[in-house]
Protein backbone atom coordinates (compact mmCIF):
# COMPACT_ATOMS: atom_id res chain seq x y z
CA MET A 1 -3.99 -17.33 -14.68
CA ALA A 2 -3.68 -14.45 -11.88
CA TYR A 3 -0.53 -14.38 -9.15
CA ASP A 4 -0.40 -13.40 -6.00
CA VAL A 5 1.91 -10.74 -4.93
CA THR A 6 2.91 -9.27 -1.75
CA ARG A 7 4.98 -5.82 -1.44
CA ASP A 8 5.78 -3.64 0.62
CA ILE A 9 4.77 -0.29 -0.51
CA THR A 10 5.67 3.82 0.35
CA ALA A 11 3.60 6.78 0.69
CA GLY A 12 5.98 9.62 2.04
CA PRO A 13 6.47 8.54 5.05
CA LEU A 14 4.17 6.28 5.73
CA VAL A 15 5.42 2.50 4.95
CA LEU A 16 2.98 -0.44 5.00
CA PRO A 17 4.74 -3.65 4.82
CA GLY A 18 3.80 -6.97 3.56
CA VAL A 19 0.55 -5.33 1.18
CA ARG A 20 -1.60 -8.07 -0.71
CA GLY A 21 -2.31 -8.57 -4.10
CA SER A 22 -2.69 -9.77 -7.11
CA VAL A 23 -1.82 -9.76 -10.83
CA GLY A 24 -3.56 -11.03 -13.74
CA ALA A 25 -7.02 -11.10 -13.07
CA VAL A 26 -10.12 -10.17 -14.76
CA TYR A 27 -11.88 -6.91 -13.95
CA SER A 28 -14.81 -4.92 -14.82
CA GLU A 29 -15.29 -3.58 -18.09
CA HIS A 30 -15.88 -0.21 -17.31
CA ARG A 31 -11.79 0.50 -15.74
CA LYS A 32 -10.36 -1.74 -18.89
CA GLU A 33 -8.14 0.46 -20.30
CA LYS A 34 -6.95 2.18 -17.23
CA PRO A 35 -3.70 2.28 -15.11
CA GLY A 36 -3.60 -1.07 -12.80
CA ASP A 37 -5.94 -3.16 -14.79
CA GLY A 38 -5.53 -6.92 -14.18
CA ALA A 39 -4.19 -5.57 -10.70
CA ALA A 40 -6.03 -6.11 -7.02
CA VAL A 41 -4.52 -4.67 -3.24
CA GLU A 42 -5.79 -5.81 -0.45
CA LEU A 43 -9.00 -2.96 0.79
CA PRO A 44 -7.12 -2.67 4.59
CA ALA A 45 -4.40 -1.27 3.03
CA VAL A 46 -6.39 1.13 1.24
CA VAL A 47 -8.21 2.35 3.78
CA GLU A 48 -4.94 3.08 5.42
CA LEU A 49 -3.83 5.23 3.28
CA LEU A 50 -6.94 7.23 2.56
CA ALA A 51 -7.29 7.56 6.17
CA ALA A 52 -3.79 8.70 5.81
CA VAL A 53 -4.66 11.59 3.34
CA GLU A 54 -7.13 12.52 5.07
CA THR A 55 -5.37 13.05 7.96
CA GLY A 56 -2.60 15.24 6.01
CA GLN A 57 0.06 12.48 6.89
CA ILE A 58 0.78 12.08 3.20
CA THR A 59 -0.65 13.45 -0.40
CA ALA A 60 -2.98 12.20 -2.77
CA ALA A 61 0.05 12.05 -5.45
CA GLN A 62 2.06 10.08 -2.99
CA ALA A 63 -0.81 7.43 -1.90
CA GLN A 64 -1.21 6.78 -5.40
CA ALA A 65 2.36 6.37 -6.29
CA ALA A 66 3.17 3.62 -3.36
CA PHE A 67 0.90 1.21 -6.12
CA ALA A 68 4.22 1.58 -8.01
CA PRO A 69 4.97 -2.03 -7.61
CA PHE A 70 2.20 -3.58 -7.74
CA LEU A 71 1.58 -1.73 -11.24
CA ASP A 72 5.51 -2.69 -11.79
CA ARG A 73 4.69 -6.17 -11.24
CA LEU A 74 1.85 -6.01 -13.85
CA GLU A 75 3.72 -4.98 -16.39
CA GLU A 76 6.28 -7.93 -15.85
CA TYR A 77 3.44 -10.03 -16.05
CA ASP A 78 1.88 -8.75 -18.67
CA ARG A 79 4.93 -9.06 -20.62
CA GLU A 80 5.46 -12.68 -19.47
CA MET A 81 2.26 -13.29 -21.03
CA ASP A 82 2.80 -11.95 -24.35
CA GLU A 83 6.07 -14.27 -24.60
CA ARG A 84 3.99 -16.93 -23.47
CA MET A 85 1.19 -16.93 -26.28
CA ALA A 86 3.78 -16.01 -28.87
CA ARG A 87 5.14 -19.32 -28.60
CA TYR A 88 2.04 -21.08 -29.38
CA ASP A 89 0.93 -18.13 -32.37
CA TYR A 90 0.46 -21.03 -35.04
CA SER A 91 -0.69 -18.35 -37.61
């Protein structure tokens, strides 16, 4: 069950308020073991961050770090789902 998430994200001096995303979704098997698998973030926010990198307003590392609130929520989600599944473990 995926959850909608709204977070403000900060990349250096750039703040994007109310960025929408989701955690707990299923995505491509090609990036299954990559950080962030199971999370999605609205494309306009990603494009805005890339434009800020292109103009030198922020660094690529700052843009990448801006997604930490979504990664943190994904980790919480994964723990919640593990706990929920453990309650139904009948082995």
